[in-house]
Amino acid sequence: MSTPDRSKSVLRRKPIDLVEDENIDSGLFKSLGLWQLTAIGVGGIIGIGIFTLAGLVANGGEDADPVGPAVMIAFLIAGLASAAAALSYAEFAGMIPRAGSAYTYGYVALGEIIGWFIGWDLLLEYTAIVAVVAIGISGYFSEFMSGIGVDVPIWMQGTADTIEGGVINLPAIVVCLFITWILSRGTKTFGRFELVAVGLKVLLILFIIGLGFFFVDVDNYTPFMPSGFGAVFAGAATVFFAVFGYDAMSTAAEEAVDGKKHMPKAILLSLVIAMTLYVLATLVLTGMQNYTDISPTAGFASAFQNVGLPVIATIISAFAVVSILTVMLTFLLGVTRVWFSMSRDGLLPTWFAATDRHGTPQRVTWIAGIASALLAGVFPIRAVADLTNIGILAAFVVVCVAVIVLRRTRPDVHRTFKLPWMPVVPAFGVLASGFLMLQLHWETWVRFGVWLLIGLVIYFFYSRRHSLMNPESPRHGRHKTRT
């Protein structure tokens, strides 16, 4: 195939050396060290998984079979699938420390159309994650206000789908706008806030585990798996939402002081820390209270209420709100950096790629923040959680395939981290992620398909022609980002 034909192909690939040249003057400030990056990763992974989804999956809620104490197994299954993808992300992050994360990895290894679909996918998924975490916060907010003697009006606690008499989830909307403001202040400010908030979060979880251990009743572990393995696998697909976050953290690669060295370490450290805490926390939660009585919206708060410690329940609710903020910050960072990267590449209008004096893409930050606020205000938590999971699982499949392909096509590229047992580990990641995708409801697949179809139309009518990889793109000669 001739060079002109290749340049017009939807499978044209972005050269790695071009990616490295872009990092020299990206408009983003380099201010994040190893521990700040790890804090962003832990902040993205730990939060709603412990404080909301663990109780929801154990209890089953209104529309799913209860998993019971086997929720721990659900987390381990999801964590194992996530670990294979994490190793693939770590290899890419040490090789291509760029803002686009999975979007860029797919673009470089598999071609523009694959990169576009993953980038388009992540714009929705990351925004939806911010929304679902905000929904989870509202349950703990109501518990906290009740604990200090203030009754939150029913109409503002959630929508009619989630609570009788509900109209809108006002606390979720407010918190979405608040974290958007924090992120808009710049990466340096955000990094400091994240480091402190994640430190408080880990201390809170260790306190919960340590205190809750004294109230564990082993009889609550029977039956351990009340609905069988099928429910456990379905639960793993739901809690998978809680075992990634490092992927969004990798979108901050261009803002790392030494991305090639620190990104792989931060990805693996954040996953190990998070999974250890998840296993211990789920054991304590299901040991303190029978799974049939666990609150689907504020599990640990209800567990400590159950053992006669209402003050502790109130404290947990307050800190849960603060700690879950870090999850929202991580994923809002993710959507803005993917959006910024796609716009810089010409696949979306360059207007979105403009940065301010803080090195922050303000336009996409506020657009994404307002969109997440609207989602959080009107949708039920499980519908949004499942939608986010299918998109991230799809991204994991692409990254695992891409790392295999690039190891064969570009073995000469320097890698600061090489994942072990190639290609067994990434192949397992593909199979595990695909299997978890099949556990999701058919409605989730329909919503996902509609979003990708919209993306396909935009790609062929705008992105393919304006891409900087297209020699005839109108962006050539004027593609530098304006501040």
Protein backbone atom coordinates (compact mmCIF):
# COMPACT_ATOMS: atom_id res chain seq x y z
CA MET A 1 0.00 0.00 0.00
CA SER A 2 1.38 3.42 -0.92
CA THR A 3 2.03 6.15 1.60
CA PRO A 4 -0.83 8.41 0.40
CA ASP A 5 -3.30 5.55 0.76
CA ARG A 6 -2.03 4.76 4.23
CA SER A 7 -2.35 8.39 5.30
CA LYS A 8 -6.05 8.32 4.37
CA SER A 9 -6.78 4.94 5.97
CA VAL A 10 -8.90 4.75 9.10
CA LEU A 11 -6.18 2.46 10.48
CA ARG A 12 -3.36 5.02 10.13
CA ARG A 13 -1.21 4.95 13.25
CA LYS A 14 0.33 7.79 15.17
CA PRO A 15 4.16 7.46 15.32
CA ILE A 16 5.60 7.15 18.82
CA ASP A 17 8.32 9.72 18.09
CA LEU A 18 5.59 12.24 17.18
CA VAL A 19 3.90 11.57 20.52
CA GLU A 20 7.17 12.26 22.35
CA ASP A 21 7.68 15.53 20.45
CA GLU A 22 4.22 16.74 21.51
CA ASN A 23 5.09 16.23 25.18
CA ILE A 24 7.80 18.90 24.99
CA ASP A 25 5.30 21.78 24.77
CA SER A 26 1.86 20.40 25.56
CA GLY A 27 0.52 23.39 27.49
CA LEU A 28 0.12 21.18 30.57
CA PHE A 29 2.32 21.80 33.65
CA LYS A 30 4.57 19.03 35.03
CA SER A 31 4.04 19.02 38.80
CA LEU A 32 3.10 15.46 39.89
CA GLY A 33 5.58 13.15 41.65
CA LEU A 34 5.36 9.41 42.41
CA TRP A 35 3.29 9.69 45.58
CA GLN A 36 0.93 12.27 44.14
CA LEU A 37 0.36 9.97 41.15
CA THR A 38 -0.19 7.00 43.47
CA ALA A 39 -2.63 9.08 45.51
CA ILE A 40 -4.56 9.91 42.33
CA GLY A 41 -4.68 6.19 41.47
CA VAL A 42 -5.77 5.13 44.97
CA GLY A 43 -8.19 8.04 45.03
CA GLY A 44 -9.77 6.79 41.82
CA ILE A 45 -9.97 3.14 42.90
CA ILE A 46 -11.05 3.36 46.54
CA GLY A 47 -14.28 5.12 47.36
CA ILE A 48 -17.70 4.13 46.19
CA GLY A 49 -16.58 0.50 45.95
CA ILE A 50 -16.19 0.25 49.72
CA PHE A 51 -18.74 2.80 50.83
CA THR A 52 -21.60 1.98 48.43
CA LEU A 53 -21.11 -0.84 45.89
CA ALA A 54 -19.94 -3.41 48.46
CA GLY A 55 -23.24 -3.09 50.34
CA LEU A 56 -25.29 -2.88 47.14
CA VAL A 57 -23.85 -6.09 45.67
CA ALA A 58 -23.90 -8.00 48.98
CA ASN A 59 -27.56 -7.11 49.55
CA GLY A 60 -28.59 -7.31 45.90
CA GLY A 61 -30.84 -4.26 46.05
CA GLU A 62 -34.21 -4.38 44.29
CA ASP A 63 -33.13 -5.72 40.89
CA ALA A 64 -30.32 -8.25 41.46
CA ASP A 65 -29.66 -11.48 43.38
CA PRO A 66 -27.78 -11.04 46.67
CA VAL A 67 -24.12 -12.06 46.63
CA GLY A 68 -23.83 -12.07 50.43
CA PRO A 69 -20.41 -12.47 52.08
CA ALA A 70 -19.10 -13.77 48.73
CA VAL A 71 -18.92 -10.12 47.69
CA MET A 72 -15.26 -10.52 48.68
CA ILE A 73 -14.88 -13.13 45.91
CA ALA A 74 -16.60 -10.75 43.47
CA PHE A 75 -14.00 -8.10 44.27
CA LEU A 76 -11.14 -10.59 43.86
CA ILE A 77 -12.44 -11.73 40.45
CA ALA A 78 -12.78 -8.13 39.30
CA GLY A 79 -9.36 -7.33 40.74
CA LEU A 80 -7.71 -10.23 38.93
CA ALA A 81 -9.13 -9.08 35.60
CA SER A 82 -8.10 -5.53 36.42
CA ALA A 83 -4.55 -6.59 37.33
CA ALA A 84 -3.92 -7.99 33.84
CA ALA A 85 -5.02 -4.68 32.34
CA ALA A 86 -3.02 -2.73 34.95
CA LEU A 87 0.19 -4.45 33.84
CA SER A 88 -0.59 -3.55 30.23
CA TYR A 89 -1.27 0.06 31.20
CA ALA A 90 1.99 0.12 33.16
CA GLU A 91 4.02 -0.94 30.10
CA PHE A 92 2.35 1.69 27.92
CA ALA A 93 2.66 4.42 30.57
CA GLY A 94 6.40 3.82 30.85
CA MET A 95 6.73 3.99 27.07
CA ILE A 96 4.20 6.70 26.10
CA PRO A 97 3.60 9.08 29.05
CA ARG A 98 0.88 11.07 27.31
CA ALA A 99 -2.45 12.60 28.36
CA GLY A 100 -4.69 10.37 26.22
CA SER A 101 -4.12 7.07 28.10
CA ALA A 102 -6.04 4.20 26.43
CA TYR A 103 -7.03 6.49 23.56
CA THR A 104 -3.39 7.19 22.70
CA TYR A 105 -2.30 3.58 23.23
CA GLY A 106 -4.95 2.37 20.80
CA TYR A 107 -4.08 5.12 18.29
CA VAL A 108 -0.37 4.26 18.31
CA ALA A 109 -0.71 0.46 18.22
CA LEU A 110 -3.98 -0.34 16.41
CA GLY A 111 -4.89 2.69 14.32
CA GLU A 112 -6.91 5.88 14.34
CA ILE A 113 -10.42 4.40 14.18
CA ILE A 114 -9.70 2.17 17.20
CA GLY A 115 -8.17 5.08 19.10
CA TRP A 116 -11.18 7.23 18.23
CA PHE A 117 -13.69 4.70 19.48
CA ILE A 118 -11.87 4.22 22.77
CA GLY A 119 -11.45 7.97 23.24
CA TRP A 120 -15.12 8.56 22.41
CA ASP A 121 -16.05 5.72 24.74
CA LEU A 122 -14.01 7.17 27.61
CA LEU A 123 -15.59 10.61 27.26
CA LEU A 124 -18.92 9.05 28.21
CA GLU A 125 -17.62 6.50 30.71
CA TYR A 126 -15.48 8.87 32.77
CA THR A 127 -18.26 11.47 32.87
CA ALA A 128 -20.73 8.79 33.94
CA ILE A 129 -18.32 7.58 36.65
CA VAL A 130 -18.20 11.06 38.15
CA ALA A 131 -22.00 11.00 38.14
CA VAL A 132 -22.42 7.56 39.73
CA VAL A 133 -19.95 8.43 42.50
CA ALA A 134 -21.89 11.62 43.18
CA ILE A 135 -25.06 9.55 43.45
CA GLY A 136 -23.28 7.33 45.98
CA ILE A 137 -22.25 10.37 48.01
CA SER A 138 -25.84 11.51 48.43
CA GLY A 139 -26.73 8.41 50.48
CA TYR A 140 -23.95 9.09 52.98
CA PHE A 141 -24.79 12.80 52.99
CA SER A 142 -28.35 12.01 54.09
CA GLU A 143 -27.04 9.61 56.77
CA PHE A 144 -24.67 12.29 58.07
CA MET A 145 -27.34 14.99 58.20
CA SER A 146 -29.71 12.61 59.96
CA GLY A 147 -26.98 11.82 62.48
CA ILE A 148 -26.66 15.47 63.47
CA GLY A 149 -30.43 15.89 63.69
CA VAL A 150 -31.19 17.44 60.29
CA ASP A 151 -33.76 15.77 58.02
CA VAL A 152 -32.96 16.19 54.33
CA PRO A 153 -36.18 16.67 52.31
CA ILE A 154 -37.12 13.53 50.38
CA TRP A 155 -37.58 15.42 47.09
CA MET A 156 -33.89 16.36 46.95
CA GLN A 157 -32.40 12.99 48.02
CA GLY A 158 -32.80 11.28 44.65
CA THR A 159 -35.01 10.65 41.65
CA ALA A 160 -38.35 8.84 41.73
CA ASP A 161 -36.56 5.70 40.46
CA THR A 162 -34.35 5.51 43.53
CA ILE A 163 -36.51 6.81 46.38
CA GLU A 164 -40.25 7.23 46.85
CA GLY A 165 -41.15 10.90 46.69
CA GLY A 166 -37.79 11.84 45.15
CA VAL A 167 -37.57 14.45 42.39
CA ILE A 168 -33.89 15.29 41.94
CA ASN A 169 -30.56 14.34 43.52
CA LEU A 170 -29.52 17.83 44.57
CA PRO A 171 -26.50 16.86 46.75
CA ALA A 172 -25.05 14.92 43.79
CA ILE A 173 -25.41 17.93 41.49
CA VAL A 174 -23.78 20.29 43.99
CA VAL A 175 -20.81 18.00 44.62
CA CYS A 176 -20.19 17.56 40.87
CA LEU A 177 -19.92 21.31 40.46
CA PHE A 178 -17.69 21.58 43.55
CA ILE A 179 -15.09 19.09 42.32
CA THR A 180 -15.17 20.75 38.89
CA TRP A 181 -14.17 24.00 40.58
CA ILE A 182 -11.31 22.26 42.45
CA LEU A 183 -9.94 20.75 39.23
CA SER A 184 -10.23 24.09 37.44
CA ARG A 185 -7.71 25.59 39.90
CA GLY A 186 -4.84 23.71 38.25
CA THR A 187 -3.02 20.37 38.53
CA LYS A 188 -0.66 21.51 41.30
CA THR A 189 -3.54 22.52 43.56
CA PHE A 190 -5.48 19.38 42.62
CA GLY A 191 -2.47 17.14 43.33
CA ARG A 192 -2.01 18.56 46.82
CA PHE A 193 -5.70 18.22 47.64
CA GLU A 194 -5.73 14.63 46.36
CA LEU A 195 -2.68 13.62 48.41
CA VAL A 196 -4.20 14.94 51.67
CA ALA A 197 -7.71 13.61 50.95
CA VAL A 198 -6.47 10.14 50.01
CA GLY A 199 -4.36 10.00 53.17
CA LEU A 200 -7.47 10.75 55.23
CA LYS A 201 -9.44 8.17 53.25
CA VAL A 202 -6.94 5.37 53.92
CA LEU A 203 -6.85 6.24 57.62
CA LEU A 204 -10.66 6.15 57.74
CA ILE A 205 -10.83 2.73 56.08
CA LEU A 206 -8.17 1.32 58.42
CA PHE A 207 -10.15 2.72 61.36
CA ILE A 208 -13.37 1.11 60.04
CA ILE A 209 -11.65 -2.24 59.55
CA GLY A 210 -9.93 -2.16 62.94
CA LEU A 211 -13.02 -1.15 64.91
CA GLY A 212 -15.45 -3.27 62.92
CA PHE A 213 -13.34 -6.38 63.49
CA PHE A 214 -14.43 -6.42 67.15
CA PHE A 215 -18.10 -6.63 66.10
CA VAL A 216 -17.80 -9.42 63.55
CA ASP A 217 -20.23 -12.30 64.09
CA VAL A 218 -19.07 -15.39 62.15
CA ASP A 219 -22.70 -16.56 61.88
CA ASN A 220 -23.24 -13.72 59.41
CA TYR A 221 -20.92 -15.50 56.96
CA THR A 222 -23.53 -18.27 56.55
CA PRO A 223 -24.64 -18.76 53.86
CA PHE A 224 -21.46 -17.49 52.26
CA MET A 225 -22.75 -17.63 48.68
CA PRO A 226 -26.58 -17.44 48.90
CA SER A 227 -27.25 -17.12 45.16
CA GLY A 228 -24.48 -19.25 43.65
CA PHE A 229 -21.54 -18.48 41.37
CA GLY A 230 -23.73 -16.84 38.74
CA ALA A 231 -24.61 -13.99 41.10
CA VAL A 232 -20.95 -13.68 42.13
CA PHE A 233 -19.84 -13.23 38.52
CA ALA A 234 -22.63 -10.71 37.92
CA GLY A 235 -21.53 -8.93 41.09
CA ALA A 236 -17.94 -8.91 39.84
CA ALA A 237 -19.13 -7.14 36.68
CA THR A 238 -20.80 -4.47 38.82
CA VAL A 239 -17.96 -3.97 41.32
CA PHE A 240 -15.44 -3.85 38.49
CA PHE A 241 -16.34 -0.18 38.57
CA ALA A 242 -14.50 -0.09 41.89
CA VAL A 243 -11.21 -1.73 40.86
CA PHE A 244 -9.99 0.60 38.17
CA GLY A 245 -8.91 4.20 38.52
CA TYR A 246 -5.30 3.83 37.53
CA ASP A 247 -6.46 4.16 33.92
CA ALA A 248 -7.79 7.65 34.62
CA MET A 249 -4.64 8.43 36.58
CA SER A 250 -2.57 7.52 33.51
CA THR A 251 -4.23 10.41 31.65
CA ALA A 252 -2.17 12.73 33.87
CA ALA A 253 1.09 11.32 32.44
CA GLU A 254 2.06 14.59 30.72
CA GLU A 255 1.74 16.36 34.07
CA ALA A 256 4.12 13.95 35.83
CA VAL A 257 7.62 15.16 36.64
CA ASP A 258 9.09 11.87 35.37
CA GLY A 259 6.23 10.00 33.70
CA LYS A 260 8.26 7.15 32.18
CA LYS A 261 9.76 6.24 35.55
CA HIS A 262 6.91 7.00 37.94
CA MET A 263 3.75 6.09 36.03
CA PRO A 264 4.28 2.27 35.98
CA LYS A 265 5.13 2.25 39.69
CA ALA A 266 2.13 4.41 40.59
CA ILE A 267 -0.27 2.18 38.60
CA LEU A 268 0.84 -1.03 40.31
CA LEU A 269 1.14 0.50 43.78
CA SER A 270 -2.35 1.96 43.65
CA LEU A 271 -3.95 -1.35 42.63
CA VAL A 272 -2.14 -3.39 45.32
CA ILE A 273 -3.07 -0.93 48.08
CA ALA A 274 -6.69 -0.78 46.94
CA MET A 275 -7.28 -4.53 46.63
CA THR A 276 -5.82 -5.21 50.08
CA LEU A 277 -8.20 -2.70 51.63
CA TYR A 278 -11.19 -3.99 49.62
CA VAL A 279 -10.77 -7.59 50.80
CA LEU A 280 -10.42 -6.60 54.46
CA ALA A 281 -13.31 -4.12 54.33
CA THR A 282 -15.80 -6.52 52.70
CA LEU A 283 -14.97 -9.23 55.25
CA VAL A 284 -15.69 -6.81 58.09
CA LEU A 285 -18.87 -5.40 56.50
CA THR A 286 -20.52 -8.77 55.90
CA GLY A 287 -19.35 -10.01 59.29
CA MET A 288 -20.84 -7.10 61.21
CA GLN A 289 -24.31 -7.38 59.69
CA ASN A 290 -26.28 -10.06 57.87
CA TYR A 291 -26.20 -9.37 54.13
CA THR A 292 -30.01 -9.14 54.01
CA ASP A 293 -29.91 -6.14 56.38
CA ILE A 294 -26.99 -4.23 54.84
CA SER A 295 -27.99 -0.87 53.37
CA PRO A 296 -27.51 -0.80 49.57
CA THR A 297 -26.65 2.91 49.70
CA ALA A 298 -24.67 3.39 52.94
CA GLY A 299 -23.41 -0.04 53.97
CA PHE A 300 -20.86 0.75 56.69
CA ALA A 301 -22.97 3.50 58.22
CA SER A 302 -25.88 1.06 58.61
CA ALA A 303 -23.55 -1.65 59.95
CA PHE A 304 -22.29 0.54 62.78
CA GLN A 305 -25.83 1.71 63.49
CA ASN A 306 -26.75 -1.96 63.78
CA VAL A 307 -24.11 -2.67 66.44
CA GLY A 308 -25.15 0.34 68.54
CA LEU A 309 -22.53 2.90 67.44
CA PRO A 310 -24.57 5.71 65.83
CA VAL A 311 -21.86 8.31 66.50
CA ILE A 312 -19.34 6.21 64.55
CA ALA A 313 -21.91 5.84 61.78
CA THR A 314 -22.22 9.63 61.58
CA ILE A 315 -18.43 10.08 61.48
CA ILE A 316 -18.15 7.45 58.73
CA SER A 317 -20.84 9.19 56.69
CA ALA A 318 -19.03 12.53 56.94
CA PHE A 319 -15.64 11.12 55.97
CA ALA A 320 -17.17 8.95 53.26
CA VAL A 321 -18.44 12.08 51.53
CA VAL A 322 -14.98 13.66 51.68
CA SER A 323 -13.12 10.52 50.59
CA ILE A 324 -15.43 9.74 47.68
CA LEU A 325 -14.63 13.21 46.33
CA THR A 326 -11.19 11.89 45.35
CA VAL A 327 -12.77 9.34 43.02
CA MET A 328 -14.72 12.07 41.30
CA LEU A 329 -11.62 14.24 40.96
CA THR A 330 -9.59 11.43 39.41
CA PHE A 331 -12.16 10.60 36.76
CA LEU A 332 -13.04 14.19 35.97
CA LEU A 333 -9.31 14.68 35.42
CA GLY A 334 -9.44 11.65 33.12
CA VAL A 335 -12.26 12.86 30.88
CA THR A 336 -10.78 16.33 30.52
CA ARG A 337 -7.31 15.01 29.55
CA VAL A 338 -8.68 12.50 27.03
CA TRP A 339 -10.87 15.24 25.53
CA PHE A 340 -7.88 17.60 25.44
CA SER A 341 -5.71 14.99 23.73
CA MET A 342 -8.32 14.12 21.08
CA SER A 343 -8.81 17.81 20.31
CA ARG A 344 -5.07 18.38 20.02
CA ASP A 345 -4.89 15.49 17.55
CA GLY A 346 -7.57 17.07 15.38
CA LEU A 347 -10.27 14.47 16.03
CA LEU A 348 -12.35 17.06 17.88
CA PRO A 349 -12.37 20.87 17.44
CA THR A 350 -9.20 22.61 18.64
CA TRP A 351 -11.36 24.99 20.71
CA PHE A 352 -11.52 22.29 23.38
CA ALA A 353 -7.71 21.99 23.63
CA ALA A 354 -7.07 25.53 24.86
CA THR A 355 -5.33 25.77 28.26
CA ASP A 356 -5.22 28.69 30.68
CA ARG A 357 -2.37 30.16 32.74
CA HIS A 358 -2.66 27.24 35.20
CA GLY A 359 -2.07 24.74 32.37
CA THR A 360 -5.70 23.59 32.69
CA PRO A 361 -8.13 22.96 29.80
CA GLN A 362 -10.90 25.00 31.42
CA ARG A 363 -13.50 24.61 28.68
CA VAL A 364 -13.65 20.81 28.74
CA THR A 365 -13.34 20.80 32.53
CA TRP A 366 -16.55 22.77 33.00
CA ILE A 367 -18.43 21.07 30.16
CA ALA A 368 -17.65 17.63 31.59
CA GLY A 369 -18.42 18.76 35.13
CA ILE A 370 -21.83 20.15 34.20
CA ALA A 371 -22.65 17.04 32.15
CA SER A 372 -21.82 14.77 35.10
CA ALA A 373 -24.00 16.93 37.36
CA LEU A 374 -26.96 16.48 35.01
CA LEU A 375 -26.43 12.69 34.87
CA ALA A 376 -26.13 12.47 38.66
CA GLY A 377 -29.27 14.47 39.18
CA VAL A 378 -31.66 12.32 37.13
CA PHE A 379 -30.34 8.71 36.78
CA PRO A 380 -30.39 5.72 39.22
CA ILE A 381 -27.03 4.44 40.43
CA ARG A 382 -27.03 0.88 38.99
CA ALA A 383 -27.91 2.01 35.45
CA VAL A 384 -25.05 4.50 35.42
CA ALA A 385 -22.61 2.05 37.07
CA ASP A 386 -23.26 -0.65 34.47
CA LEU A 387 -22.85 1.87 31.66
CA THR A 388 -19.45 2.91 32.97
CA ASN A 389 -18.32 -0.69 33.38
CA ILE A 390 -18.96 -1.78 29.80
CA GLY A 391 -17.00 1.17 28.46
CA ILE A 392 -13.99 0.67 30.71
CA LEU A 393 -13.98 -3.07 30.04
CA ALA A 394 -13.94 -2.30 26.30
CA ALA A 395 -10.97 0.04 26.86
CA PHE A 396 -9.18 -2.70 28.80
CA VAL A 397 -9.65 -5.14 25.92
CA VAL A 398 -8.13 -2.63 23.49
CA VAL A 399 -5.16 -1.84 25.74
CA CYS A 400 -4.39 -5.53 26.33
CA VAL A 401 -4.53 -6.23 22.59
CA ALA A 402 -2.50 -3.10 21.81
CA VAL A 403 0.34 -4.04 24.16
CA ILE A 404 0.69 -7.43 22.41
CA VAL A 405 0.66 -5.81 18.96
CA LEU A 406 3.16 -3.08 19.83
CA ARG A 407 5.55 -5.56 21.47
CA ARG A 408 5.71 -7.30 18.06
CA THR A 409 5.63 -4.26 15.74
CA ARG A 410 7.94 -1.97 17.78
CA PRO A 411 10.23 -4.18 19.88
CA ASP A 412 12.94 -1.48 19.55
CA VAL A 413 11.08 1.14 21.62
CA HIS A 414 12.55 1.65 25.09
CA ARG A 415 10.24 0.41 27.85
CA THR A 416 10.88 1.38 31.46
CA PHE A 417 8.53 -1.45 32.49
CA LYS A 418 7.82 -4.70 30.63
CA LEU A 419 4.88 -6.79 31.79
CA PRO A 420 5.76 -10.43 32.55
CA TRP A 421 4.56 -13.58 30.78
CA MET A 422 3.79 -11.96 27.45
CA PRO A 423 1.32 -12.64 25.83
CA VAL A 424 -0.39 -14.75 28.52
CA VAL A 425 -1.12 -11.87 30.91
CA PRO A 426 -2.69 -9.45 28.39
CA ALA A 427 -4.54 -12.36 26.70
CA PHE A 428 -6.05 -13.23 30.08
CA GLY A 429 -7.01 -9.55 30.46
CA VAL A 430 -8.86 -9.70 27.13
CA LEU A 431 -10.75 -12.87 28.06
CA ALA A 432 -11.58 -11.75 31.60
CA SER A 433 -12.77 -8.31 30.51
CA GLY A 434 -14.85 -9.81 27.70
CA PHE A 435 -16.41 -12.31 30.11
CA LEU A 436 -17.37 -9.55 32.57
CA MET A 437 -18.90 -7.53 29.72
CA LEU A 438 -21.19 -10.47 28.94
CA GLN A 439 -22.52 -10.39 32.53
CA LEU A 440 -24.04 -6.93 32.03
CA HIS A 441 -27.70 -6.30 31.17
CA TRP A 442 -28.72 -6.11 27.51
CA GLU A 443 -29.99 -2.56 28.04
CA THR A 444 -26.43 -1.55 28.89
CA TRP A 445 -25.23 -2.99 25.57
CA VAL A 446 -27.92 -1.04 23.71
CA ARG A 447 -26.93 2.27 25.33
CA PHE A 448 -23.27 1.54 24.64
CA GLY A 449 -24.01 0.70 21.00
CA VAL A 450 -26.00 3.89 20.46
CA TRP A 451 -23.14 6.00 21.86
CA LEU A 452 -20.59 4.28 19.61
CA LEU A 453 -22.88 4.75 16.59
CA ILE A 454 -23.02 8.49 17.29
CA GLY A 455 -19.24 8.46 17.52
CA LEU A 456 -18.95 6.67 14.18
CA VAL A 457 -20.99 9.40 12.47
CA ILE A 458 -18.84 12.17 14.01
CA TYR A 459 -15.63 10.38 13.01
CA PHE A 460 -16.50 10.05 9.32
CA PHE A 461 -18.09 13.50 9.00
CA TYR A 462 -15.49 15.47 10.98
CA SER A 463 -12.63 13.66 12.70
CA ARG A 464 -11.20 11.69 9.78
CA ARG A 465 -10.84 14.82 7.64
CA HIS A 466 -9.51 17.12 10.40
CA SER A 467 -7.08 14.61 11.93
CA LEU A 468 -3.49 15.88 12.02
CA MET A 469 -2.47 12.50 10.60
CA ASN A 470 -4.33 13.43 7.41
CA PRO A 471 -1.96 15.38 5.08
CA GLU A 472 -4.96 17.26 3.67
CA SER A 473 -6.36 18.27 7.07
CA PRO A 474 -7.43 21.95 7.31
CA ARG A 475 -5.75 21.92 10.72
CA HIS A 476 -2.24 21.84 9.22
CA GLY A 477 -0.52 25.16 9.59
CA ARG A 478 -2.81 26.30 12.39
CA HIS A 479 -2.97 23.33 14.78
CA LYS A 480 -0.98 24.75 17.67
CA THR A 481 -3.08 25.08 20.79
CA ARG A 482 -4.00 28.66 21.61
CA THR A 483 -4.12 29.69 25.21
